[in-house]
Protein backbone atom coordinates (compact mmCIF):
# COMPACT_ATOMS: atom_id res chain seq x y z
CA MET A 1 105.27 117.39 -79.79
CA SER A 2 102.71 114.80 -78.52
CA GLN A 3 99.44 114.38 -80.37
CA GLN A 4 96.20 115.24 -78.58
CA PRO A 5 93.45 112.54 -78.74
CA SER A 6 90.82 113.35 -81.29
CA ILE A 7 87.13 113.52 -80.32
CA ASN A 8 84.53 112.68 -82.96
CA ILE A 9 81.70 115.15 -82.63
CA PRO A 10 78.63 114.47 -84.72
CA GLY A 11 78.36 116.86 -87.53
CA ASN A 12 74.63 117.33 -87.12
CA LEU A 13 71.76 116.56 -84.68
CA ARG A 14 70.56 113.49 -86.61
CA ASP A 15 73.86 111.73 -86.14
CA PHE A 16 73.59 112.38 -82.34
CA LYS A 17 69.93 111.23 -82.03
CA LEU A 18 70.36 107.79 -83.53
CA PRO A 19 72.47 106.21 -80.70
CA PHE A 20 70.25 107.87 -78.10
CA VAL A 21 67.12 106.22 -79.57
CA PHE A 22 68.76 102.79 -79.38
CA VAL A 23 69.64 103.38 -75.74
CA VAL A 24 66.09 104.44 -74.90
CA TRP A 25 64.57 101.40 -76.61
CA GLY A 26 67.05 99.19 -74.87
CA VAL A 27 66.06 100.60 -71.49
CA VAL A 28 62.36 100.19 -72.36
CA ALA A 29 62.93 96.58 -73.40
CA LEU A 30 64.84 95.89 -70.21
CA LEU A 31 62.06 97.43 -68.14
CA CYS A 32 59.45 95.33 -69.95
CA LEU A 33 61.52 92.20 -69.36
CA VAL A 34 61.89 92.97 -65.65
CA ALA A 35 58.17 93.80 -65.40
CA GLY A 36 57.29 90.50 -67.07
CA PHE A 37 59.32 88.59 -64.51
CA THR A 38 57.95 90.53 -61.51
CA VAL A 39 54.26 90.76 -62.46
CA PHE A 40 53.32 87.07 -62.38
CA TYR A 41 53.81 84.67 -59.49
CA THR A 42 52.49 81.24 -58.44
CA VAL A 43 50.98 80.17 -55.10
CA SER A 44 51.36 76.43 -54.44
CA ALA A 45 48.42 74.17 -53.53
CA GLU A 46 49.20 74.01 -49.80
CA SER A 47 49.85 77.74 -49.38
CA GLN A 48 48.28 81.17 -49.49
CA GLY A 49 49.84 84.45 -50.64
CA VAL A 50 49.70 87.68 -48.64
CA VAL A 51 50.01 90.69 -50.98
CA LEU A 52 51.75 93.78 -49.56
CA ARG A 53 51.86 97.14 -51.36
CA PHE A 54 54.71 99.25 -50.09
CA GLY A 55 54.61 97.07 -46.96
CA LYS A 56 50.88 97.52 -46.31
CA TYR A 57 48.53 94.52 -46.32
CA ILE A 58 46.27 94.44 -49.39
CA LYS A 59 44.74 90.97 -49.66
CA THR A 60 45.22 87.24 -49.24
CA VAL A 61 45.14 85.12 -52.41
CA ASP A 62 44.50 81.40 -52.87
CA PRO A 63 46.66 78.91 -54.79
CA GLY A 64 47.16 79.41 -58.51
CA LEU A 65 48.84 81.74 -61.03
CA ARG A 66 48.49 85.37 -59.89
CA TYR A 67 49.72 88.82 -60.89
CA LYS A 68 50.81 91.93 -59.00
CA LEU A 69 52.27 95.36 -59.61
CA PRO A 70 55.90 95.13 -60.76
CA PHE A 71 59.16 96.81 -59.72
CA GLY A 72 58.72 95.99 -56.03
CA ILE A 73 55.53 97.97 -55.65
CA ASP A 74 53.69 94.82 -54.60
CA ARG A 75 55.41 92.10 -52.60
CA VAL A 76 53.95 88.63 -51.93
CA VAL A 77 54.67 86.50 -48.86
CA ILE A 78 53.85 82.82 -49.41
CA LEU A 79 52.72 80.99 -46.24
CA PRO A 80 52.13 77.19 -46.04
CA VAL A 81 48.71 77.41 -44.38
CA LYS A 82 47.73 73.79 -45.10
CA ARG A 83 51.03 72.24 -44.04
CA GLN A 84 51.41 70.96 -40.48
CA LEU A 85 54.44 72.61 -38.90
CA LYS A 86 56.38 71.26 -35.94
CA GLN A 87 58.56 72.53 -33.13
CA GLU A 88 60.77 70.29 -31.01
CA PHE A 89 61.84 71.02 -27.45
CA GLY A 90 64.78 69.44 -25.66
CA PHE A 91 66.05 67.70 -28.81
CA GLY A 92 66.45 68.41 -32.51
CA THR A 93 65.89 66.50 -35.75
CA SER A 94 68.43 67.30 -38.42
CA GLY A 95 67.35 68.43 -41.87
CA ALA A 96 64.35 70.47 -40.71
CA SER A 97 63.01 73.04 -43.18
CA ASN A 98 61.41 75.09 -40.40
CA LEU A 99 64.11 77.38 -38.97
CA SER A 100 62.35 77.56 -35.61
CA GLN A 101 61.78 73.80 -35.33
CA TYR A 102 64.52 73.27 -32.75
CA SER A 103 66.98 75.31 -30.73
CA GLY A 104 70.73 75.04 -30.18
CA GLY A 105 72.57 72.55 -28.00
CA ASN A 106 72.79 74.59 -24.80
CA GLU A 107 69.23 75.83 -25.15
CA GLN A 108 67.99 72.25 -25.59
CA GLU A 109 69.49 71.28 -22.24
CA GLN A 110 67.78 74.25 -20.58
CA GLU A 111 64.45 73.48 -22.26
CA ARG A 112 64.20 69.89 -21.08
CA SER A 113 65.39 70.47 -17.49
CA MET A 114 62.32 71.02 -15.29
CA VAL A 115 61.24 70.85 -11.64
CA THR A 116 58.10 68.90 -10.73
CA GLY A 117 55.51 69.76 -8.11
CA ASP A 118 57.19 67.60 -5.45
CA LEU A 119 60.52 69.45 -6.01
CA ASN A 120 62.13 66.66 -8.01
CA ALA A 121 64.06 67.17 -11.24
CA ALA A 122 63.02 65.66 -14.56
CA THR A 123 64.10 65.94 -18.19
CA VAL A 124 61.10 66.45 -20.48
CA GLU A 125 61.23 66.38 -24.28
CA TRP A 126 58.14 67.24 -26.29
CA ILE A 127 56.89 68.47 -29.65
CA ILE A 128 54.03 70.68 -30.78
CA GLN A 129 52.32 70.48 -34.17
CA TYR A 130 50.52 73.54 -35.47
CA ARG A 131 49.18 75.29 -38.58
CA ILE A 132 48.96 78.89 -39.78
CA ARG A 133 45.26 79.69 -39.47
CA GLU A 134 45.21 83.47 -40.08
CA PRO A 135 48.05 84.67 -42.35
CA GLN A 136 47.40 88.38 -41.71
CA SER A 137 47.62 87.97 -37.91
CA TYR A 138 50.64 85.70 -38.27
CA LEU A 139 52.54 88.37 -40.22
CA PHE A 140 51.50 91.60 -38.51
CA LYS A 141 50.21 91.03 -34.96
CA VAL A 142 53.43 89.71 -33.36
CA ARG A 143 57.05 90.04 -34.40
CA LYS A 144 58.66 86.62 -34.96
CA PRO A 145 55.56 84.53 -34.13
CA ASP A 146 57.42 81.20 -34.32
CA ASN A 147 59.90 82.30 -31.65
CA THR A 148 57.01 83.63 -29.57
CA LEU A 149 55.29 80.26 -29.88
CA ARG A 150 58.43 78.51 -28.61
CA ALA A 151 58.56 80.74 -25.55
CA ILE A 152 54.84 80.24 -24.84
CA SER A 153 55.08 76.47 -25.23
CA GLU A 154 58.01 76.21 -22.84
CA SER A 155 56.22 78.36 -20.27
CA VAL A 156 53.04 76.26 -20.49
CA MET A 157 54.91 72.96 -20.22
CA ARG A 158 56.84 74.12 -17.14
CA THR A 159 53.56 75.23 -15.53
CA VAL A 160 51.79 71.92 -16.21
CA VAL A 161 54.76 69.79 -15.12
CA GLY A 162 55.19 71.92 -11.99
CA ASP A 163 51.66 70.99 -10.89
CA ARG A 164 52.39 67.24 -10.81
CA THR A 165 54.69 64.82 -9.04
CA VAL A 166 57.66 63.23 -10.76
CA ASP A 167 55.89 59.84 -10.81
CA GLU A 168 52.90 61.33 -12.60
CA VAL A 169 55.11 63.11 -15.12
CA ILE A 170 57.14 60.00 -15.95
CA THR A 171 54.41 57.34 -15.76
CA VAL A 172 50.65 57.76 -15.47
CA GLY A 173 50.19 61.50 -16.03
CA ARG A 174 51.49 61.84 -19.59
CA GLN A 175 48.09 62.01 -21.28
CA GLU A 176 46.77 64.59 -18.81
CA ILE A 177 49.90 66.71 -19.31
CA GLU A 178 49.47 66.60 -23.09
CA SER A 179 45.79 67.54 -23.03
CA GLY A 180 46.27 70.25 -20.39
CA SER A 181 49.22 71.77 -22.26
CA LEU A 182 47.27 71.78 -25.52
CA THR A 183 44.35 73.66 -23.97
CA GLN A 184 46.49 76.27 -22.21
CA LEU A 185 48.75 76.77 -25.23
CA GLN A 186 45.83 77.35 -27.59
CA ASP A 187 44.30 79.86 -25.16
CA LEU A 188 47.55 81.87 -25.03
CA VAL A 189 47.99 81.71 -28.81
CA ASN A 190 44.49 83.13 -29.25
CA LYS A 191 45.15 85.79 -26.63
CA TYR A 192 48.36 86.96 -28.34
CA GLU A 193 46.66 86.79 -31.80
CA LEU A 194 49.44 84.72 -33.36
CA GLY A 195 47.09 83.42 -36.06
CA LEU A 196 48.01 79.78 -35.30
CA SER A 197 46.04 76.67 -34.40
CA ILE A 198 47.67 74.02 -32.21
CA ASP A 199 46.94 70.50 -33.46
CA GLN A 200 48.85 68.41 -30.92
CA VAL A 201 51.19 68.49 -27.95
CA GLN A 202 53.06 65.21 -27.55
CA LEU A 203 55.53 64.17 -24.87
CA LYS A 204 58.58 62.26 -26.07
CA ASN A 205 61.33 61.14 -23.67
CA VAL A 206 60.51 61.90 -20.04
CA ASN A 207 63.17 60.71 -17.59
CA PRO A 208 64.74 61.61 -14.28
CA PRO A 209 68.20 63.22 -14.39
CA ALA A 210 71.00 60.96 -15.61
CA LYS A 211 72.64 60.73 -12.17
CA VAL A 212 69.57 59.20 -10.54
CA GLN A 213 68.41 57.19 -13.56
CA PRO A 214 69.60 53.75 -12.22
CA SER A 215 67.96 54.28 -8.82
CA PHE A 216 64.75 55.43 -10.42
CA ASN A 217 64.73 52.38 -12.70
CA GLU A 218 65.03 50.12 -9.65
CA VAL A 219 62.14 51.88 -7.94
CA ASN A 220 60.08 51.69 -11.11
CA GLN A 221 60.82 47.97 -11.46
CA ALA A 222 59.79 47.37 -7.84
CA GLN A 223 56.53 49.22 -8.42
CA GLN A 224 55.87 47.14 -11.54
CA GLU A 225 56.50 43.92 -9.62
CA ARG A 226 54.16 45.17 -6.87
CA GLU A 227 51.45 45.90 -9.42
CA GLN A 228 51.99 42.48 -10.99
CA MET A 229 51.58 40.71 -7.64
CA ILE A 230 48.47 42.75 -6.87
CA ASN A 231 47.01 41.83 -10.24
CA GLU A 232 47.79 38.15 -9.70
CA ALA A 233 46.17 38.26 -6.23
CA ASN A 234 43.12 40.00 -7.64
CA GLY A 235 42.92 37.39 -10.38
CA GLU A 236 43.02 34.55 -7.85
CA TYR A 237 40.45 36.34 -5.70
CA ASN A 238 38.17 36.82 -8.70
CA LYS A 239 38.53 33.13 -9.53
CA VAL A 240 37.92 31.66 -6.04
CA VAL A 241 35.37 34.01 -4.51
CA PRO A 242 32.81 33.86 -7.33
CA ARG A 243 33.09 30.07 -7.41
CA ALA A 244 32.48 29.82 -3.64
CA SER A 245 29.61 32.29 -3.93
CA GLY A 246 28.11 30.22 -6.72
CA GLU A 247 28.36 27.01 -4.71
CA ALA A 248 26.81 28.72 -1.67
CA GLU A 249 23.99 30.08 -3.81
CA GLN A 250 23.46 26.63 -5.32
CA LYS A 251 23.17 25.01 -1.87
CA ILE A 252 20.81 27.74 -0.68
CA GLN A 253 18.59 27.23 -3.71
CA ALA A 254 18.66 23.42 -3.20
CA ALA A 255 17.67 23.85 0.45
CA GLU A 256 14.91 26.24 -0.46
CA GLY A 257 13.69 23.80 -3.11
CA TYR A 258 13.73 20.90 -0.65
CA ALA A 259 11.84 22.96 1.94
CA LEU A 260 9.27 23.95 -0.67
CA LYS A 261 8.91 20.30 -1.71
CA ARG A 262 8.34 19.11 1.86
CA VAL A 263 5.83 21.88 2.52
CA ASN A 264 3.95 21.03 -0.65
CA GLU A 265 3.97 17.32 0.20
CA ALA A 266 2.70 18.04 3.71
CA GLU A 267 -0.01 20.29 2.37
CA GLY A 268 -0.95 17.57 -0.14
CA ASP A 269 -1.13 14.96 2.60
CA VAL A 270 -3.33 17.25 4.67
CA SER A 271 -5.60 17.87 1.70
CA ARG A 272 -5.84 14.15 0.98
CA PHE A 273 -6.55 13.33 4.65
CA ASN A 274 -9.22 16.00 4.75
CA ALA A 275 -10.80 14.57 1.61
CA VAL A 276 -10.80 11.05 3.12
CA LEU A 277 -12.19 12.41 6.40
CA GLU A 278 -14.98 14.14 4.52
CA GLU A 279 -15.93 10.91 2.74
CA TYR A 280 -15.65 8.95 5.99
CA LEU A 281 -18.07 11.27 7.72
CA LYS A 282 -20.56 10.69 4.91
CA ALA A 283 -20.40 6.87 5.08
CA PRO A 284 -18.16 5.51 7.87
CA GLN A 285 -18.71 1.76 7.18
CA VAL A 286 -18.11 2.04 3.46
CA THR A 287 -15.01 4.11 4.00
CA LYS A 288 -13.64 1.68 6.59
CA ARG A 289 -14.21 -1.26 4.26
CA ARG A 290 -12.56 0.55 1.33
CA LEU A 291 -9.58 1.50 3.44
CA TYR A 292 -9.31 -2.07 4.74
CA LEU A 293 -9.37 -3.55 1.24
CA GLU A 294 -6.86 -1.03 -0.09
CA THR A 295 -4.54 -1.72 2.81
CA MET A 296 -4.78 -5.49 2.39
CA ARG A 297 -4.11 -5.12 -1.32
CA GLU A 298 -0.86 -3.40 -0.52
CA VAL A 299 0.20 -5.65 2.38
CA ILE A 300 -0.72 -9.20 1.27
CA PRO A 301 1.55 -9.28 -1.84
CA LYS A 302 4.47 -8.60 0.49
CA LEU A 303 3.77 -11.63 2.72
CA GLY A 304 5.03 -14.27 0.34
CA LYS A 305 3.36 -17.74 0.17
CA LYS A 306 0.05 -17.83 2.02
CA ILE A 307 -2.88 -20.20 2.56
CA ILE A 308 -6.34 -19.00 3.41
CA LEU A 309 -8.64 -21.62 5.09
CA ASP A 310 -12.20 -21.59 6.01
CA ASP A 311 -13.08 -22.06 9.65
CA GLY A 312 -14.65 -25.46 8.97
CA ALA A 313 -11.84 -26.93 6.89
CA LYS A 314 -10.29 -30.25 8.12
CA GLY A 315 -7.25 -32.29 7.06
CA ILE A 316 -5.06 -29.54 5.91
CA LEU A 317 -1.83 -31.58 5.86
CA PRO A 318 -2.30 -33.00 2.36
CA LEU A 319 -2.61 -29.46 1.16
CA LEU A 320 0.75 -28.44 2.55
CA GLN A 321 3.96 -29.20 0.70
CA LEU A 322 6.25 -29.96 3.57
CA THR A 323 9.35 -30.79 1.49
CA THR A 324 10.94 -28.41 -0.90
CA GLU A 325 13.65 -29.04 -3.41
CA PRO A 326 16.78 -26.93 -3.41
CA GLU A 327 16.80 -24.10 -5.93
CA GLY A 328 18.32 -24.84 -9.25
CA ARG A 329 17.71 -28.58 -8.95
CA GLY A 330 15.35 -30.37 -11.31
CA ARG A 331 12.85 -33.11 -10.47
């Protein structure tokens, strides 16, 4: 006959209670240990914590060591509110910590392929930089706010690019596209209550499609050469025309100065003649004599050697030196 297994039954209630007490204390200790690990949490310096109690929003806490109700009653979502986040469109940077920073390969090709206002094709790559401004709105107003932001940004960029020509998109209109996209994107983010603030919209590589890239480069080079020649012509114009204008102005001023000089001289001569006439009318004989003497004083020194004789003088030959010695020869 086979033996039946024996079961040890405590002989009294005290022997049964002792293992049960150890089990209870063990469970209590385990609960205290779990509560100790789930009560305290830390919010980093660049983040804020959103406290949820059974999924309902309770409060937003600042950085530091905090506590909450244990056993999953309270749950904390840490959001990097002070960190600048980034999303890339049409390309992707590997190693990104933000899961919504860039899309897959096929989606990237679709994102960067756009049609401009003049019905030309262009490939546009851009990034947006943003921050979480209102954690409560970010978590509860819209489901998957980062994906919503990607869809809004692509829509805004296609709208802005579609209002401009391909030349503006690729060359001179980049800054206007960035500023216009930033304004429209922020307006839509506020309208949808995403709780985000857009810091920057920046265009990266903007090119025509690969098939027409060589032709476009030739056109672009021709336009650059045209601009260079225009600038050189304007430089030569700015160098020659001002110089000619300056010379003309100088001659005009010289002519005006000469005319003013002659007028002043003529007016001076008239004033002097009038003064002499006035004195002459007062004493004609005296004025005639004075004028005669002044005139002779100016004329006689110019006559050279001269001899003045009295009317009654005789024998003037001895007074004249008829022979002269050549210059430079001594006696």
